[in-house]
Amino acid sequence: GGYDFGPLFGINATADGSGDLVTVNGQSGSFTEGMSFSYTGESSYIDHISAISPAFLIFRNSSPVYDCGVAYDAGSYKTVGTSFEFGGLSDGSPPSTKETLADSIMHFFGIYVGIEEEPVSVLNLPKVYGLSNGYPNPCGKRVVINYQIPRKGNVSLRVYDVSGRLTDVLIDGVVEPGYHSLRLDTKRYASGVYFYRLVAGDKTFTKKMIVVK
């Protein structure tokens, strides 16, 4: 008898749950691609929902198979809707962590804060600074950039276009030592060649990134 918010979220409610939500999997081509979470929320009786085009699916239960997460870009606003509790997801190996998922959702909303996917290792610290080639490269929707910092200090990681103009600031501040992985959403980038530059300690590294739409 209340207001139906479904159309505003691009969500169609299809069935009641039956206590069988166990593992939710991210969907290929979306910002949850490669993610998989076991679920230990208060209730596993999760409603089945589907996406109303042009909304798109972001999560699906593994077995039995049904949809349980939808994202929608309506142009003037964006939404993300799931029929399960975010806090009920259990962290696995990156990128299957709630921190990475929250970062990906914020990227979808156009908020870029450079949250890292992997916790700092205190047992196996790197001996030198380093920056890897991003993958995949060329990329279309996202790229993963790995870098390593042997000691705590100021770090700058910025993206420039082929003409040298600053395109993005990914990191600008103090970073703890360790092996780090950053997931960059490139859907908002135009096709072309970009360079990302890491400045840390007395070292500077530059790598090339190609965006193809």
Protein backbone atom coordinates (compact mmCIF):
# COMPACT_ATOMS: atom_id res chain seq x y z
CA GLY A 1 0.00 0.00 0.00
CA GLY A 2 3.04 2.31 -0.01
CA TYR A 3 4.85 4.12 -2.81
CA ASP A 4 6.52 1.90 -5.38
CA PHE A 5 10.12 3.07 -5.71
CA GLY A 6 10.98 0.19 -8.08
CA PRO A 7 10.78 2.17 -11.32
CA LEU A 8 13.05 4.89 -9.90
CA PHE A 9 15.71 2.23 -9.28
CA GLY A 10 15.09 0.30 -12.50
CA ILE A 11 14.07 -2.67 -10.32
CA ASN A 12 11.34 -5.22 -10.94
CA ALA A 13 10.44 -7.40 -7.93
CA THR A 14 9.92 -10.94 -9.24
CA ALA A 15 9.60 -13.31 -6.26
CA ASP A 16 9.90 -13.71 -2.49
CA GLY A 17 13.03 -15.29 -1.08
CA SER A 18 13.15 -18.77 0.39
CA GLY A 19 16.19 -18.81 2.68
CA ASP A 20 18.73 -19.78 0.03
CA LEU A 21 21.06 -16.80 -0.47
CA VAL A 22 24.56 -18.23 0.01
CA THR A 23 27.00 -16.75 -2.51
CA VAL A 24 26.44 -13.59 -4.55
CA ASN A 25 28.51 -13.10 -7.68
CA GLY A 26 29.34 -9.88 -9.49
CA GLN A 27 28.40 -9.65 -13.13
CA SER A 28 30.62 -9.42 -16.21
CA GLY A 29 30.60 -6.00 -17.84
CA SER A 30 29.52 -4.22 -14.65
CA PHE A 31 31.54 -2.56 -11.87
CA THR A 32 31.17 -5.77 -9.81
CA GLU A 33 32.96 -7.92 -12.40
CA GLY A 34 35.26 -10.46 -10.74
CA MET A 35 33.69 -10.11 -7.28
CA SER A 36 32.19 -12.99 -5.31
CA PHE A 37 30.92 -12.87 -1.72
CA SER A 38 29.64 -15.44 0.72
CA TYR A 39 26.66 -14.12 2.68
CA THR A 40 26.09 -14.27 6.43
CA GLY A 41 23.46 -11.58 6.94
CA GLU A 42 20.65 -11.68 9.50
CA SER A 43 18.26 -13.17 6.97
CA SER A 44 18.91 -15.26 3.86
CA TYR A 45 15.26 -14.88 2.75
CA ILE A 46 16.24 -12.45 0.02
CA ASP A 47 13.74 -11.13 -2.50
CA HIS A 48 14.40 -11.85 -6.17
CA ILE A 49 14.74 -8.70 -8.27
CA SER A 50 15.51 -8.09 -11.92
CA ALA A 51 16.69 -5.07 -13.89
CA ILE A 52 14.33 -2.96 -15.96
CA SER A 53 16.30 -1.79 -19.01
CA PRO A 54 18.37 0.37 -19.22
CA ALA A 55 19.21 -0.58 -15.62
CA PHE A 56 21.67 -3.48 -15.40
CA LEU A 57 22.36 -6.45 -13.18
CA ILE A 58 25.28 -6.26 -10.72
CA PHE A 59 24.70 -9.28 -8.43
CA ARG A 60 23.21 -12.76 -8.84
CA ASN A 61 22.86 -15.61 -6.35
CA SER A 62 24.94 -18.62 -7.33
CA SER A 63 22.52 -21.49 -6.60
CA PRO A 64 19.63 -21.40 -7.12
CA VAL A 65 20.27 -18.72 -9.71
CA TYR A 66 18.35 -15.49 -9.24
CA ASP A 67 19.09 -11.77 -9.48
CA CYS A 68 19.61 -9.74 -6.31
CA GLY A 69 21.42 -6.50 -7.26
CA VAL A 70 20.70 -3.79 -9.83
CA ALA A 71 22.36 -0.48 -10.81
CA TYR A 72 20.69 2.28 -12.79
CA ASP A 73 21.98 5.39 -14.51
CA ALA A 74 18.89 7.49 -15.21
CA GLY A 75 20.91 10.42 -16.52
CA SER A 76 19.83 12.96 -13.88
CA TYR A 77 20.52 10.52 -11.04
CA LYS A 78 22.05 7.10 -10.35
CA THR A 79 20.97 4.31 -8.02
CA VAL A 80 22.24 1.00 -6.70
CA GLY A 81 19.76 -1.41 -5.18
CA THR A 82 20.30 -4.83 -3.60
CA SER A 83 17.83 -7.10 -1.84
CA PHE A 84 20.47 -8.22 0.68
CA GLU A 85 22.31 -6.41 3.47
CA PHE A 86 25.62 -4.87 2.40
CA GLY A 87 26.99 -5.60 5.87
CA GLY A 88 26.10 -9.29 5.51
CA LEU A 89 28.74 -9.81 2.81
CA SER A 90 31.90 -11.60 3.93
CA ASP A 91 35.25 -10.36 2.64
CA GLY A 92 37.30 -12.69 0.46
CA SER A 93 40.41 -12.10 -1.63
CA PRO A 94 40.59 -8.78 -3.56
CA PRO A 95 38.62 -7.56 -5.41
CA SER A 96 35.97 -9.41 -3.33
CA THR A 97 36.02 -7.07 -0.34
CA LYS A 98 33.34 -4.71 0.95
CA GLU A 99 35.86 -1.87 0.79
CA THR A 100 36.45 -2.46 -2.92
CA LEU A 101 32.73 -2.83 -3.58
CA ALA A 102 31.98 0.43 -1.75
CA ASP A 103 34.71 2.14 -3.78
CA SER A 104 33.27 0.74 -7.03
CA ILE A 105 29.79 1.95 -6.12
CA MET A 106 31.14 5.42 -5.36
CA HIS A 107 32.97 5.41 -8.70
CA PHE A 108 29.65 4.59 -10.38
CA PHE A 109 28.18 7.63 -8.60
CA GLY A 110 31.11 9.74 -9.84
CA ILE A 111 32.93 9.91 -6.49
CA TYR A 112 36.64 9.13 -6.71
CA VAL A 113 38.53 8.76 -3.45
CA GLY A 114 41.22 6.22 -4.38
CA ILE A 115 40.37 3.51 -1.85
CA GLU A 116 42.87 0.68 -2.07
CA GLU A 117 41.80 -2.90 -2.56
CA GLU A 118 44.41 -4.70 -0.53
CA PRO A 119 45.38 -4.21 3.12
CA VAL A 120 48.92 -3.16 3.92
CA SER A 121 51.22 -6.08 4.59
CA VAL A 122 53.30 -5.61 7.73
CA LEU A 123 55.10 -8.94 7.47
CA ASN A 124 56.49 -8.74 3.95
CA LEU A 125 57.26 -5.14 3.12
CA PRO A 126 58.83 -4.28 -0.24
CA LYS A 127 62.46 -3.21 -0.32
CA VAL A 128 62.10 -0.68 -3.14
CA TYR A 129 59.53 1.64 -4.69
CA GLY A 130 57.75 0.37 -7.79
CA LEU A 131 54.88 0.85 -10.21
CA SER A 132 53.51 -1.90 -12.46
CA ASN A 133 51.88 -1.74 -15.86
CA GLY A 134 48.13 -1.51 -15.42
CA TYR A 135 45.93 -4.38 -16.51
CA PRO A 136 44.11 -4.86 -18.71
CA ASN A 137 45.88 -2.60 -21.16
CA PRO A 138 44.27 -1.48 -23.43
CA CYS A 139 41.31 -1.08 -21.08
CA GLY A 140 37.70 -0.17 -21.59
CA LYS A 141 35.89 0.25 -18.28
CA ARG A 142 38.49 -0.24 -15.58
CA VAL A 143 42.17 -0.82 -14.97
CA VAL A 144 44.05 -2.16 -11.94
CA ILE A 145 47.25 -0.35 -10.99
CA ASN A 146 49.69 -2.00 -8.57
CA TYR A 147 52.43 -0.11 -6.77
CA GLN A 148 54.74 -0.72 -3.82
CA ILE A 149 56.02 1.57 -1.08
CA PRO A 150 58.87 0.46 1.23
CA ARG A 151 58.28 3.14 3.86
CA LYS A 152 55.52 5.47 4.98
CA GLY A 153 55.56 8.82 3.22
CA ASN A 154 53.93 11.24 0.82
CA VAL A 155 52.75 9.64 -2.42
CA SER A 156 51.34 11.21 -5.57
CA LEU A 157 49.66 9.19 -8.31
CA ARG A 158 48.22 11.26 -11.16
CA VAL A 159 46.90 10.60 -14.64
CA TYR A 160 47.78 12.79 -17.64
CA ASP A 161 46.49 12.79 -21.19
CA VAL A 162 48.82 12.52 -24.19
CA SER A 163 49.23 16.31 -24.31
CA GLY A 164 50.43 16.37 -20.71
CA ARG A 165 47.28 17.86 -19.18
CA LEU A 166 46.30 16.59 -15.73
CA THR A 167 43.31 14.26 -16.07
CA ASP A 168 42.92 12.73 -12.61
CA VAL A 169 44.43 12.73 -9.13
CA LEU A 170 44.29 9.20 -7.73
CA ILE A 171 46.49 9.63 -4.65
CA ASP A 172 47.85 12.76 -3.00
CA GLY A 173 48.86 12.17 0.59
CA VAL A 174 50.59 9.90 3.08
CA VAL A 175 50.56 6.17 2.26
CA GLU A 176 51.56 3.30 4.54
CA PRO A 177 54.31 0.91 3.38
CA GLY A 178 53.31 -2.24 1.53
CA TYR A 179 52.04 -3.66 -1.74
CA HIS A 180 49.03 -1.71 -2.93
CA SER A 181 46.43 -2.21 -5.64
CA LEU A 182 44.17 0.53 -6.95
CA ARG A 183 41.11 -0.04 -9.14
CA LEU A 184 40.54 2.87 -11.54
CA ASP A 185 37.20 3.31 -13.30
CA THR A 186 38.01 4.49 -16.85
CA LYS A 187 34.44 4.61 -18.23
CA ARG A 188 34.47 8.40 -17.83
CA TYR A 189 37.72 8.73 -19.82
CA ALA A 190 37.65 9.45 -23.54
CA SER A 191 39.38 6.95 -25.80
CA GLY A 192 43.06 7.65 -26.16
CA VAL A 193 46.53 7.37 -24.64
CA TYR A 194 47.14 8.37 -21.03
CA PHE A 195 50.12 8.29 -18.68
CA TYR A 196 49.96 7.70 -14.95
CA ARG A 197 52.84 8.93 -12.81
CA LEU A 198 53.82 7.81 -9.33
CA VAL A 199 56.02 10.10 -7.24
CA ALA A 200 57.14 8.60 -3.92
CA GLY A 201 60.25 9.15 -1.84
CA ASP A 202 62.89 10.29 -4.31
CA LYS A 203 61.51 8.11 -7.12
CA THR A 204 59.29 8.88 -10.11
CA PHE A 205 57.68 6.22 -12.31
CA THR A 206 55.55 6.70 -15.42
CA LYS A 207 53.46 4.09 -17.25
CA LYS A 208 51.29 4.28 -20.35
CA MET A 209 47.59 3.38 -20.38
CA ILE A 210 45.40 3.06 -23.47
CA VAL A 211 41.63 3.55 -23.13
CA VAL A 212 39.48 2.05 -25.88
CA LYS A 213 35.67 2.52 -25.96
